[in-house]
């Protein structure tokens, strides 16, 4: 029961962080959260540990837990890791199939782009869906390579990628995000890892220039 409650609380806090309701640097105090949500402090600690593991929050001795702040070094480090994982996945796909990826792979990625487009269309009602579907598209591209370790690495970055995108949206509305990613999926088939590097460099530059 405690585990389910901790998971539910972590999901709620995750959404509040990604929506901006809990801004970067906000203290996440055990006692206050336990009282607000009617759970034990142990449940709160477990939920917060999950957020720290996802890098949505940070913990420091004697300072407690706070909502993560993405500084420039964090952005560069995240994008470096994303480049390494996604570029290698695309390299493996190109090595295996050239530019003619299997129809099933292309269809699965097109469906992820369609899901992102639907999320964009309904963004006013459910803004977090855009963050979720954007991360899911990139994870699906990595998963298409068929490497369990790369897939695991990409999935582990999911929450932090959503936080990155949320920060980016504060400074720039990415109009036509789904269409940009349809073009990206075509580009990686034609140009391989170079397309990955260019795509991720563009979003990194946009956030660092804020």
N, C-alpha and C. Protein backbone atom coordinates (compact mmCIF):
# COMPACT_ATOMS: atom_id res chain seq x y z
N UNK A 1 0.83 -1.21 0.00
CA UNK A 1 0.00 0.00 0.00
C UNK A 1 0.87 1.26 0.00
N UNK A 2 1.92 1.25 0.87
CA UNK A 2 2.81 2.41 0.93
C UNK A 2 3.46 2.68 -0.41
N UNK A 3 3.86 1.59 -1.11
CA UNK A 3 4.49 1.75 -2.41
C UNK A 3 3.54 2.39 -3.41
N UNK A 4 2.27 1.95 -3.40
CA UNK A 4 1.30 2.53 -4.33
C UNK A 4 1.05 4.00 -4.00
N UNK A 5 0.96 4.30 -2.72
CA UNK A 5 0.76 5.70 -2.33
C UNK A 5 1.96 6.55 -2.71
N UNK A 6 3.15 6.01 -2.53
CA UNK A 6 4.35 6.75 -2.91
C UNK A 6 4.39 6.97 -4.42
N UNK A 7 4.03 5.96 -5.19
CA UNK A 7 4.01 6.11 -6.65
C UNK A 7 2.99 7.16 -7.07
N UNK A 8 1.82 7.14 -6.42
CA UNK A 8 0.77 8.11 -6.76
C UNK A 8 1.22 9.53 -6.40
N UNK A 9 1.85 9.68 -5.24
CA UNK A 9 2.34 11.00 -4.84
C UNK A 9 3.45 11.47 -5.77
N UNK A 10 4.35 10.56 -6.14
CA UNK A 10 5.43 10.93 -7.07
C UNK A 10 4.86 11.38 -8.40
N UNK A 11 3.83 10.69 -8.89
CA UNK A 11 3.21 11.07 -10.17
C UNK A 11 2.58 12.46 -10.07
N UNK A 12 1.91 12.73 -8.95
CA UNK A 12 1.29 14.04 -8.75
C UNK A 12 2.34 15.14 -8.69
N UNK A 13 3.39 14.92 -7.92
CA UNK A 13 4.44 15.93 -7.82
C UNK A 13 5.17 16.10 -9.14
N UNK A 14 5.37 15.00 -9.86
CA UNK A 14 6.02 15.08 -11.18
C UNK A 14 5.23 16.01 -12.10
N UNK A 15 3.91 15.83 -12.13
CA UNK A 15 3.07 16.68 -12.98
C UNK A 15 3.15 18.14 -12.54
N UNK A 16 3.19 18.37 -11.25
CA UNK A 16 3.25 19.75 -10.75
C UNK A 16 4.59 20.41 -11.09
N UNK A 17 5.65 19.62 -11.09
CA UNK A 17 6.96 20.15 -11.50
C UNK A 17 6.97 20.46 -12.99
N UNK A 18 6.50 19.51 -13.80
CA UNK A 18 6.57 19.67 -15.25
C UNK A 18 5.62 20.75 -15.75
N UNK A 19 4.53 20.98 -15.03
CA UNK A 19 3.58 22.02 -15.44
C UNK A 19 4.05 23.41 -15.04
N UNK A 20 5.07 23.47 -14.17
CA UNK A 20 5.53 24.76 -13.68
C UNK A 20 4.83 25.22 -12.42
N UNK A 21 3.86 24.43 -11.94
CA UNK A 21 3.17 24.78 -10.70
C UNK A 21 4.15 24.83 -9.53
N UNK A 22 5.13 23.93 -9.57
CA UNK A 22 6.23 23.95 -8.60
C UNK A 22 7.48 24.41 -9.36
N UNK A 23 7.82 25.69 -9.28
CA UNK A 23 8.94 26.22 -10.07
C UNK A 23 10.29 25.67 -9.62
N UNK A 24 11.31 25.79 -10.47
CA UNK A 24 12.66 25.37 -10.09
C UNK A 24 13.10 26.01 -8.77
N UNK A 25 13.70 25.20 -7.92
CA UNK A 25 14.18 25.70 -6.64
C UNK A 25 13.19 25.63 -5.50
N UNK A 26 11.93 25.28 -5.80
CA UNK A 26 10.92 25.20 -4.74
C UNK A 26 11.27 24.10 -3.74
N UNK A 27 11.28 24.40 -2.44
CA UNK A 27 11.55 23.35 -1.44
C UNK A 27 10.40 22.34 -1.42
N UNK A 28 10.74 21.07 -1.29
CA UNK A 28 9.75 20.00 -1.17
C UNK A 28 9.90 19.42 0.23
N UNK A 29 9.14 19.96 1.17
CA UNK A 29 9.31 19.62 2.58
C UNK A 29 8.44 18.43 2.97
N UNK A 30 9.07 17.47 3.60
CA UNK A 30 8.38 16.22 3.97
C UNK A 30 7.13 16.49 4.80
N UNK A 31 7.28 17.25 5.85
CA UNK A 31 6.17 17.45 6.78
C UNK A 31 5.00 18.13 6.10
N UNK A 32 5.29 19.17 5.30
CA UNK A 32 4.22 19.89 4.61
C UNK A 32 3.52 19.00 3.59
N UNK A 33 4.29 18.22 2.84
CA UNK A 33 3.69 17.34 1.83
C UNK A 33 2.89 16.22 2.48
N UNK A 34 3.37 15.70 3.60
CA UNK A 34 2.64 14.66 4.30
C UNK A 34 1.28 15.18 4.77
N UNK A 35 1.27 16.40 5.32
CA UNK A 35 0.02 16.99 5.77
C UNK A 35 -0.92 17.32 4.63
N UNK A 36 -0.36 17.86 3.55
CA UNK A 36 -1.17 18.26 2.40
C UNK A 36 -1.85 17.06 1.74
N UNK A 37 -1.15 15.93 1.68
CA UNK A 37 -1.67 14.78 0.94
C UNK A 37 -2.15 13.64 1.84
N UNK A 38 -2.08 13.84 3.14
CA UNK A 38 -2.61 12.84 4.05
C UNK A 38 -1.87 11.51 4.02
N UNK A 39 -0.55 11.58 3.91
CA UNK A 39 0.26 10.36 3.87
C UNK A 39 1.36 10.47 4.92
N UNK A 40 2.05 9.36 5.15
CA UNK A 40 3.14 9.37 6.13
C UNK A 40 4.38 10.04 5.55
N UNK A 41 5.27 10.45 6.44
CA UNK A 41 6.52 11.05 5.97
C UNK A 41 7.38 10.01 5.25
N UNK A 42 7.25 8.75 5.63
CA UNK A 42 7.98 7.69 4.91
C UNK A 42 7.51 7.63 3.46
N UNK A 43 6.20 7.74 3.24
CA UNK A 43 5.66 7.74 1.88
C UNK A 43 6.21 8.93 1.10
N UNK A 44 6.25 10.10 1.75
CA UNK A 44 6.79 11.30 1.09
C UNK A 44 8.25 11.09 0.74
N UNK A 45 9.03 10.55 1.67
CA UNK A 45 10.46 10.32 1.39
C UNK A 45 10.65 9.40 0.20
N UNK A 46 9.83 8.36 0.13
CA UNK A 46 9.93 7.42 -0.99
C UNK A 46 9.59 8.11 -2.31
N UNK A 47 8.54 8.93 -2.30
CA UNK A 47 8.14 9.65 -3.51
C UNK A 47 9.23 10.63 -3.94
N UNK A 48 9.79 11.35 -2.98
CA UNK A 48 10.83 12.32 -3.31
C UNK A 48 12.09 11.64 -3.81
N UNK A 49 12.41 10.47 -3.26
CA UNK A 49 13.58 9.73 -3.74
C UNK A 49 13.41 9.37 -5.21
N UNK A 50 12.18 9.06 -5.62
CA UNK A 50 11.92 8.77 -7.02
C UNK A 50 12.14 9.99 -7.90
N UNK A 51 11.70 11.16 -7.44
CA UNK A 51 11.90 12.39 -8.22
C UNK A 51 13.38 12.74 -8.32
N UNK A 52 14.11 12.51 -7.24
CA UNK A 52 15.56 12.77 -7.28
C UNK A 52 16.23 11.83 -8.27
N UNK A 53 15.82 10.57 -8.27
CA UNK A 53 16.40 9.60 -9.21
C UNK A 53 16.13 10.00 -10.65
N UNK A 54 14.98 10.63 -10.90
CA UNK A 54 14.63 11.08 -12.25
C UNK A 54 15.24 12.43 -12.58
N UNK A 55 15.94 13.03 -11.61
CA UNK A 55 16.56 14.35 -11.75
C UNK A 55 15.54 15.48 -11.90
N UNK A 56 14.33 15.24 -11.42
CA UNK A 56 13.34 16.30 -11.36
C UNK A 56 13.46 17.09 -10.07
N UNK A 57 14.20 16.53 -9.12
CA UNK A 57 14.46 17.20 -7.85
C UNK A 57 15.89 16.91 -7.45
N UNK A 58 16.41 17.73 -6.56
CA UNK A 58 17.77 17.53 -6.07
C UNK A 58 17.75 17.51 -4.55
N UNK A 59 18.64 16.73 -3.97
CA UNK A 59 18.73 16.63 -2.51
C UNK A 59 20.13 16.99 -2.07
N UNK A 60 20.22 17.73 -0.98
CA UNK A 60 21.52 18.12 -0.43
C UNK A 60 21.48 17.98 1.09
N UNK A 61 22.58 17.55 1.71
CA UNK A 61 22.61 17.42 3.16
C UNK A 61 22.26 18.74 3.85
N UNK A 62 21.37 18.66 4.83
CA UNK A 62 20.95 19.81 5.64
C UNK A 62 20.15 20.85 4.85
N UNK A 63 19.94 20.61 3.55
CA UNK A 63 19.17 21.57 2.74
C UNK A 63 17.87 20.96 2.25
N UNK A 64 17.70 19.67 2.43
CA UNK A 64 16.47 19.02 2.01
C UNK A 64 16.39 18.81 0.50
N UNK A 65 15.17 18.67 0.03
CA UNK A 65 14.91 18.39 -1.38
C UNK A 65 14.25 19.60 -2.02
N UNK A 66 14.69 19.92 -3.22
CA UNK A 66 14.12 21.05 -3.97
C UNK A 66 13.85 20.62 -5.41
N UNK A 67 12.94 21.32 -6.05
CA UNK A 67 12.70 21.10 -7.47
C UNK A 67 13.98 21.44 -8.23
N UNK A 68 14.33 20.59 -9.16
CA UNK A 68 15.59 20.76 -9.90
C UNK A 68 15.61 22.05 -10.69
N UNK A 69 16.79 22.63 -10.79
CA UNK A 69 17.02 23.78 -11.65
C UNK A 69 18.01 23.36 -12.74
N UNK A 70 17.58 23.47 -13.98
CA UNK A 70 18.46 23.11 -15.09
C UNK A 70 19.38 24.28 -15.40
N UNK A 71 20.62 24.22 -14.94
CA UNK A 71 21.56 25.27 -15.33
C UNK A 71 22.22 24.89 -16.65
N UNK A 72 23.08 25.76 -17.16
CA UNK A 72 23.66 25.52 -18.48
C UNK A 72 24.45 24.21 -18.53
N UNK A 73 25.18 23.91 -17.46
CA UNK A 73 25.95 22.66 -17.44
C UNK A 73 25.03 21.44 -17.48
N UNK A 74 23.90 21.53 -16.76
CA UNK A 74 22.93 20.43 -16.78
C UNK A 74 22.39 20.21 -18.18
N UNK A 75 22.07 21.31 -18.86
CA UNK A 75 21.53 21.22 -20.22
C UNK A 75 22.55 20.55 -21.14
N UNK A 76 23.79 21.01 -21.08
CA UNK A 76 24.83 20.44 -21.96
C UNK A 76 25.04 18.96 -21.66
N UNK A 77 25.08 18.61 -20.38
CA UNK A 77 25.31 17.22 -20.01
C UNK A 77 24.17 16.32 -20.47
N UNK A 78 22.94 16.80 -20.29
CA UNK A 78 21.79 16.01 -20.73
C UNK A 78 21.83 15.81 -22.24
N UNK A 79 22.08 16.89 -22.97
CA UNK A 79 22.09 16.77 -24.43
C UNK A 79 23.26 15.92 -24.93
N UNK A 80 24.39 15.97 -24.24
CA UNK A 80 25.51 15.10 -24.61
C UNK A 80 25.11 13.64 -24.49
N UNK A 81 24.42 13.31 -23.40
CA UNK A 81 24.01 11.92 -23.20
C UNK A 81 22.94 11.51 -24.20
N UNK A 82 21.99 12.40 -24.45
CA UNK A 82 20.96 12.10 -25.45
C UNK A 82 21.59 11.88 -26.82
N UNK A 83 22.56 12.73 -27.18
CA UNK A 83 23.23 12.58 -28.47
C UNK A 83 23.90 11.22 -28.58
N UNK A 84 24.60 10.84 -27.51
CA UNK A 84 25.31 9.56 -27.54
C UNK A 84 24.35 8.39 -27.73
N UNK A 85 23.26 8.39 -26.98
CA UNK A 85 22.31 7.28 -27.04
C UNK A 85 21.56 7.26 -28.36
N UNK A 86 21.00 8.41 -28.74
CA UNK A 86 20.16 8.44 -29.95
C UNK A 86 20.99 8.29 -31.22
N UNK A 87 22.18 8.88 -31.24
CA UNK A 87 23.04 8.73 -32.41
C UNK A 87 23.45 7.28 -32.63
N UNK A 88 23.77 6.59 -31.54
CA UNK A 88 24.16 5.19 -31.66
C UNK A 88 22.99 4.33 -32.13
N UNK A 89 21.79 4.62 -31.64
CA UNK A 89 20.62 3.88 -32.09
C UNK A 89 20.39 4.07 -33.59
N UNK A 90 20.50 5.31 -34.04
CA UNK A 90 20.30 5.60 -35.46
C UNK A 90 21.42 4.99 -36.30
N UNK A 91 22.64 5.00 -35.76
CA UNK A 91 23.75 4.36 -36.48
C UNK A 91 23.47 2.86 -36.68
N UNK A 92 23.00 2.21 -35.63
CA UNK A 92 22.68 0.79 -35.72
C UNK A 92 21.57 0.53 -36.74
N UNK A 93 20.57 1.38 -36.74
CA UNK A 93 19.48 1.23 -37.72
C UNK A 93 20.00 1.39 -39.13
N UNK A 94 20.86 2.39 -39.35
CA UNK A 94 21.43 2.60 -40.68
C UNK A 94 22.33 1.46 -41.10
N UNK A 95 23.10 0.94 -40.16
CA UNK A 95 23.99 -0.19 -40.46
C UNK A 95 23.19 -1.41 -40.88
N UNK A 96 22.04 -1.57 -40.27
CA UNK A 96 21.21 -2.75 -40.53
C UNK A 96 20.35 -2.60 -41.78
N UNK A 97 19.81 -1.39 -42.01
CA UNK A 97 18.81 -1.22 -43.06
C UNK A 97 19.15 -0.15 -44.09
N UNK A 98 20.22 0.59 -43.91
CA UNK A 98 20.47 1.72 -44.80
C UNK A 98 19.39 2.77 -44.57
N UNK A 99 18.93 3.40 -45.66
CA UNK A 99 17.85 4.39 -45.54
C UNK A 99 16.48 3.76 -45.66
N UNK A 100 16.43 2.46 -46.02
CA UNK A 100 15.15 1.77 -46.22
C UNK A 100 14.78 0.99 -44.95
N UNK A 101 14.35 1.72 -43.93
CA UNK A 101 13.97 1.06 -42.68
C UNK A 101 12.72 0.23 -42.91
N UNK A 102 12.53 -0.86 -42.16
CA UNK A 102 11.34 -1.70 -42.34
C UNK A 102 10.05 -0.91 -42.17
N UNK A 103 9.04 -1.29 -42.93
CA UNK A 103 7.76 -0.58 -42.89
C UNK A 103 7.17 -0.55 -41.49
N UNK A 104 7.33 -1.64 -40.74
CA UNK A 104 6.77 -1.69 -39.39
C UNK A 104 7.44 -0.67 -38.47
N UNK A 105 8.75 -0.48 -38.64
CA UNK A 105 9.48 0.51 -37.83
C UNK A 105 9.02 1.91 -38.19
N UNK A 106 8.94 2.19 -39.48
CA UNK A 106 8.51 3.52 -39.93
C UNK A 106 7.09 3.80 -39.46
N UNK A 107 6.21 2.81 -39.55
CA UNK A 107 4.81 3.00 -39.14
C UNK A 107 4.72 3.28 -37.64
N UNK A 108 5.52 2.58 -36.85
CA UNK A 108 5.49 2.80 -35.39
C UNK A 108 5.96 4.21 -35.04
N UNK A 109 6.98 4.69 -35.74
CA UNK A 109 7.48 6.04 -35.49
C UNK A 109 6.50 7.09 -35.99
N UNK A 110 5.86 6.81 -37.12
CA UNK A 110 4.83 7.73 -37.63
C UNK A 110 3.68 7.85 -36.63
N UNK A 111 3.33 6.74 -35.99
CA UNK A 111 2.26 6.78 -34.99
C UNK A 111 2.65 7.64 -33.80
N UNK A 112 3.92 7.62 -33.43
CA UNK A 112 4.37 8.47 -32.34
C UNK A 112 4.27 9.95 -32.75
N UNK A 113 4.60 10.24 -34.01
CA UNK A 113 4.46 11.62 -34.50
C UNK A 113 2.99 12.03 -34.53
N UNK A 114 2.11 11.09 -34.91
CA UNK A 114 0.67 11.37 -34.89
C UNK A 114 0.19 11.66 -33.47
N UNK A 115 0.69 10.88 -32.51
CA UNK A 115 0.31 11.10 -31.11
C UNK A 115 0.79 12.47 -30.63
N UNK A 116 1.97 12.88 -31.07
CA UNK A 116 2.47 14.21 -30.72
C UNK A 116 1.59 15.29 -31.33
N UNK A 117 1.15 15.08 -32.56
CA UNK A 117 0.27 16.05 -33.21
C UNK A 117 -1.06 16.16 -32.46
N UNK A 118 -1.61 15.02 -32.03
CA UNK A 118 -2.86 15.05 -31.26
C UNK A 118 -2.66 15.79 -29.94
N UNK A 119 -1.52 15.56 -29.31
CA UNK A 119 -1.23 16.25 -28.05
C UNK A 119 -1.13 17.76 -28.27
N UNK A 120 -0.49 18.16 -29.36
CA UNK A 120 -0.40 19.59 -29.68
C UNK A 120 -1.78 20.20 -29.86
N UNK A 121 -2.65 19.47 -30.56
CA UNK A 121 -4.00 19.98 -30.83
C UNK A 121 -4.79 20.16 -29.54
N UNK A 122 -4.52 19.32 -28.55
CA UNK A 122 -5.26 19.41 -27.29
C UNK A 122 -4.46 20.02 -26.16
N UNK A 123 -3.42 20.78 -26.51
CA UNK A 123 -2.48 21.27 -25.50
C UNK A 123 -3.14 22.19 -24.47
N UNK A 124 -4.18 22.92 -24.86
CA UNK A 124 -4.82 23.81 -23.90
C UNK A 124 -5.48 23.03 -22.78
N UNK A 125 -6.04 21.87 -23.13
CA UNK A 125 -6.73 21.05 -22.13
C UNK A 125 -5.77 20.16 -21.35
N UNK A 126 -4.71 19.69 -22.01
CA UNK A 126 -3.76 18.78 -21.36
C UNK A 126 -2.34 19.12 -21.81
N UNK A 127 -1.77 20.20 -21.28
CA UNK A 127 -0.45 20.65 -21.74
C UNK A 127 0.67 19.64 -21.51
N UNK A 128 0.56 18.82 -20.47
CA UNK A 128 1.63 17.86 -20.18
C UNK A 128 1.70 16.75 -21.21
N UNK A 129 0.62 16.56 -21.98
CA UNK A 129 0.63 15.51 -23.00
C UNK A 129 1.69 15.78 -24.06
N UNK A 130 1.94 17.04 -24.37
CA UNK A 130 2.96 17.38 -25.36
C UNK A 130 4.34 16.93 -24.87
N UNK A 131 4.62 17.20 -23.60
CA UNK A 131 5.91 16.78 -23.03
C UNK A 131 6.04 15.27 -23.07
N UNK A 132 4.96 14.59 -22.71
CA UNK A 132 4.97 13.12 -22.66
C UNK A 132 5.18 12.52 -24.04
N UNK A 133 4.45 13.02 -25.03
CA UNK A 133 4.52 12.43 -26.37
C UNK A 133 5.82 12.79 -27.08
N UNK A 134 6.36 13.97 -26.79
CA UNK A 134 7.66 14.33 -27.36
C UNK A 134 8.74 13.38 -26.87
N UNK A 135 8.76 13.14 -25.55
CA UNK A 135 9.75 12.21 -24.99
C UNK A 135 9.53 10.80 -25.53
N UNK A 136 8.26 10.41 -25.68
CA UNK A 136 7.94 9.06 -26.16
C UNK A 136 8.43 8.84 -27.58
N UNK A 137 8.36 9.88 -28.41
CA UNK A 137 8.84 9.75 -29.79
C UNK A 137 10.34 9.48 -29.82
N UNK A 138 11.08 10.24 -29.04
CA UNK A 138 12.54 10.03 -29.02
C UNK A 138 12.88 8.66 -28.43
N UNK A 139 12.14 8.23 -27.41
CA UNK A 139 12.38 6.90 -26.84
C UNK A 139 12.07 5.81 -27.86
N UNK A 140 11.01 6.01 -28.65
CA UNK A 140 10.64 5.01 -29.65
C UNK A 140 11.70 4.90 -30.74
N UNK A 141 12.30 6.03 -31.11
CA UNK A 141 13.36 6.00 -32.11
C UNK A 141 14.53 5.16 -31.61
N UNK A 142 14.90 5.35 -30.37
CA UNK A 142 16.00 4.56 -29.80
C UNK A 142 15.61 3.09 -29.72
N UNK A 143 14.39 2.82 -29.28
CA UNK A 143 13.94 1.43 -29.13
C UNK A 143 13.92 0.69 -30.46
N UNK A 144 13.72 1.42 -31.56
CA UNK A 144 13.66 0.79 -32.88
C UNK A 144 14.97 0.10 -33.25
N UNK A 145 16.07 0.50 -32.61
CA UNK A 145 17.36 -0.12 -32.91
C UNK A 145 17.46 -1.53 -32.34
N UNK A 146 16.59 -1.87 -31.41
CA UNK A 146 16.58 -3.22 -30.87
C UNK A 146 17.65 -3.51 -29.84
N UNK A 147 18.25 -2.47 -29.29
CA UNK A 147 19.27 -2.65 -28.24
C UNK A 147 18.62 -2.42 -26.88
N UNK A 148 18.57 -3.46 -26.06
CA UNK A 148 17.92 -3.34 -24.76
C UNK A 148 18.60 -2.30 -23.88
N UNK A 149 19.93 -2.23 -23.93
CA UNK A 149 20.64 -1.28 -23.08
C UNK A 149 20.42 0.16 -23.52
N UNK A 150 20.42 0.40 -24.83
CA UNK A 150 20.14 1.75 -25.32
C UNK A 150 18.70 2.15 -24.99
N UNK A 151 17.77 1.21 -25.15
CA UNK A 151 16.37 1.49 -24.84
C UNK A 151 16.21 1.84 -23.36
N UNK A 152 16.89 1.09 -22.51
CA UNK A 152 16.85 1.35 -21.07
C UNK A 152 17.43 2.72 -20.75
N UNK A 153 18.53 3.07 -21.40
CA UNK A 153 19.17 4.37 -21.16
C UNK A 153 18.25 5.51 -21.57
N UNK A 154 17.59 5.36 -22.72
CA UNK A 154 16.68 6.41 -23.20
C UNK A 154 15.49 6.56 -22.27
N UNK A 155 14.94 5.43 -21.81
CA UNK A 155 13.79 5.48 -20.91
C UNK A 155 14.15 6.15 -19.59
N UNK A 156 15.37 5.92 -19.11
CA UNK A 156 15.81 6.51 -17.85
C UNK A 156 15.90 8.03 -17.95
N UNK A 157 16.05 8.54 -19.16
CA UNK A 157 16.15 9.99 -19.37
C UNK A 157 14.79 10.64 -19.58
N UNK A 158 13.72 9.83 -19.64
CA UNK A 158 12.42 10.34 -20.03
C UNK A 158 11.93 11.54 -19.25
N UNK A 159 11.97 11.45 -17.91
CA UNK A 159 11.47 12.54 -17.09
C UNK A 159 12.32 13.79 -17.26
N UNK A 160 13.64 13.61 -17.35
CA UNK A 160 14.52 14.77 -17.50
C UNK A 160 14.34 15.42 -18.87
N UNK A 161 14.08 14.61 -19.89
CA UNK A 161 13.80 15.16 -21.22
C UNK A 161 12.51 15.99 -21.18
N UNK A 162 11.51 15.51 -20.45
CA UNK A 162 10.27 16.28 -20.32
C UNK A 162 10.52 17.59 -19.58
N UNK A 163 11.38 17.55 -18.55
CA UNK A 163 11.72 18.78 -17.84
C UNK A 163 12.44 19.75 -18.76
N UNK A 164 13.36 19.24 -19.57
CA UNK A 164 14.09 20.06 -20.55
C UNK A 164 13.09 20.74 -21.49
N UNK A 165 12.14 19.95 -22.02
CA UNK A 165 11.16 20.50 -22.96
C UNK A 165 10.27 21.53 -22.28
N UNK A 166 9.91 21.26 -21.02
CA UNK A 166 9.08 22.22 -20.29
C UNK A 166 9.81 23.54 -20.12
N UNK A 167 11.09 23.50 -19.78
CA UNK A 167 11.89 24.72 -19.66
C UNK A 167 11.98 25.43 -21.01
N UNK A 168 12.14 24.66 -22.07
CA UNK A 168 12.25 25.25 -23.41
C UNK A 168 10.96 25.98 -23.77
N UNK A 169 9.82 25.40 -23.40
CA UNK A 169 8.53 26.01 -23.74
C UNK A 169 8.29 27.31 -22.98
N UNK A 170 8.98 27.49 -21.85
CA UNK A 170 8.84 28.75 -21.12
C UNK A 170 9.43 29.91 -21.90
N UNK A 171 10.38 29.61 -22.78
CA UNK A 171 11.12 30.66 -23.49
C UNK A 171 10.82 30.69 -24.99
N UNK A 172 10.21 29.60 -25.46
CA UNK A 172 9.94 29.54 -26.89
C UNK A 172 8.80 28.56 -27.12
N UNK A 173 7.76 29.01 -27.81
CA UNK A 173 6.67 28.10 -28.15
C UNK A 173 7.05 27.35 -29.41
N UNK A 174 7.26 26.04 -29.30
CA UNK A 174 7.72 25.27 -30.46
C UNK A 174 6.57 24.96 -31.41
N UNK A 175 6.17 25.97 -32.19
CA UNK A 175 5.07 25.79 -33.12
C UNK A 175 5.40 24.68 -34.10
N UNK A 176 4.39 23.85 -34.38
CA UNK A 176 4.59 22.78 -35.34
C UNK A 176 5.56 21.72 -34.87
N UNK A 177 5.55 21.41 -33.56
CA UNK A 177 6.50 20.45 -33.02
C UNK A 177 6.37 19.09 -33.69
N UNK A 178 5.14 18.66 -33.93
CA UNK A 178 4.93 17.36 -34.57
C UNK A 178 5.50 17.34 -35.98
N UNK A 179 5.27 18.41 -36.73
CA UNK A 179 5.79 18.46 -38.10
C UNK A 179 7.32 18.51 -38.10
N UNK A 180 7.88 19.23 -37.14
CA UNK A 180 9.35 19.25 -37.02
C UNK A 180 9.88 17.84 -36.79
N UNK A 181 9.17 17.08 -36.00
CA UNK A 181 9.64 15.73 -35.70
C UNK A 181 9.34 14.74 -36.83
N UNK A 182 8.31 14.98 -37.60
CA UNK A 182 8.11 14.16 -38.81
C UNK A 182 9.31 14.36 -39.75
N UNK A 183 9.71 15.63 -39.90
CA UNK A 183 10.86 15.92 -40.76
C UNK A 183 12.13 15.30 -40.18
N UNK A 184 12.24 15.35 -38.86
CA UNK A 184 13.41 14.75 -38.20
C UNK A 184 13.48 13.25 -38.45
N UNK A 185 12.35 12.56 -38.35
CA UNK A 185 12.33 11.11 -38.57
C UNK A 185 12.72 10.77 -40.01
N UNK A 186 12.32 11.61 -40.95
CA UNK A 186 12.76 11.39 -42.34
C UNK A 186 14.27 11.65 -42.46
N UNK A 187 14.72 12.70 -41.79
CA UNK A 187 16.12 13.11 -41.89
C UNK A 187 17.07 12.05 -41.32
N UNK A 188 16.69 11.44 -40.20
CA UNK A 188 17.60 10.45 -39.62
C UNK A 188 17.73 9.21 -40.51
N UNK A 189 16.69 8.91 -41.28
CA UNK A 189 16.80 7.78 -42.20
C UNK A 189 17.77 8.09 -43.33
N UNK A 190 17.78 9.33 -43.75
CA UNK A 190 18.63 9.73 -44.88
C UNK A 190 20.06 10.05 -44.45
N UNK A 191 20.22 10.72 -43.31
CA UNK A 191 21.55 11.25 -42.94
C UNK A 191 22.14 10.63 -41.68
N UNK A 192 21.37 9.81 -41.00
CA UNK A 192 21.90 9.10 -39.85
C UNK A 192 22.25 9.98 -38.67
N UNK A 193 23.32 9.65 -37.93
CA UNK A 193 23.67 10.36 -36.70
C UNK A 193 23.87 11.87 -36.87
N UNK A 194 24.27 12.31 -38.04
CA UNK A 194 24.45 13.76 -38.25
C UNK A 194 23.14 14.49 -38.02
N UNK A 195 22.03 13.88 -38.43
CA UNK A 195 20.72 14.51 -38.24
C UNK A 195 20.37 14.57 -36.75
N UNK A 196 20.74 13.55 -36.01
CA UNK A 196 20.50 13.55 -34.56
C UNK A 196 21.26 14.70 -33.91
N UNK A 197 22.52 14.82 -34.25
CA UNK A 197 23.35 15.87 -33.64
C UNK A 197 22.78 17.26 -33.94
N UNK A 198 22.36 17.48 -35.17
CA UNK A 198 21.81 18.79 -35.54
C UNK A 198 20.51 19.08 -34.80
N UNK A 199 19.65 18.07 -34.72
CA UNK A 199 18.35 18.24 -34.07
C UNK A 199 18.51 18.60 -32.60
N UNK A 200 19.35 17.86 -31.90
CA UNK A 200 19.52 18.09 -30.47
C UNK A 200 20.33 19.36 -30.20
N UNK A 201 21.24 19.70 -31.10
CA UNK A 201 22.00 20.95 -30.94
C UNK A 201 21.09 22.16 -31.04
N UNK A 202 20.07 22.08 -31.90
CA UNK A 202 19.17 23.22 -32.09
C UNK A 202 18.38 23.51 -30.81
N UNK A 203 17.85 22.47 -30.17
CA UNK A 203 17.09 22.70 -28.94
C UNK A 203 18.01 23.12 -27.79
N UNK A 204 19.22 22.58 -27.77
CA UNK A 204 20.19 22.99 -26.75
C UNK A 204 20.52 24.47 -26.89
N UNK A 205 20.76 24.90 -28.11
CA UNK A 205 21.09 26.31 -28.36
C UNK A 205 19.93 27.21 -27.95
N UNK A 206 18.70 26.77 -28.25
CA UNK A 206 17.54 27.59 -27.93
C UNK A 206 17.40 27.80 -26.42
N UNK A 207 17.68 26.76 -25.64
CA UNK A 207 17.55 26.91 -24.19
C UNK A 207 18.73 27.66 -23.58
N UNK A 208 19.93 27.45 -24.11
CA UNK A 208 21.09 28.15 -23.56
C UNK A 208 21.08 29.64 -23.89
N UNK A 209 20.36 30.01 -24.94
CA UNK A 209 20.32 31.42 -25.34
C UNK A 209 19.16 32.17 -24.69
N UNK A 210 18.48 31.53 -23.74
CA UNK A 210 17.30 32.14 -23.13
C UNK A 210 17.69 33.38 -22.31
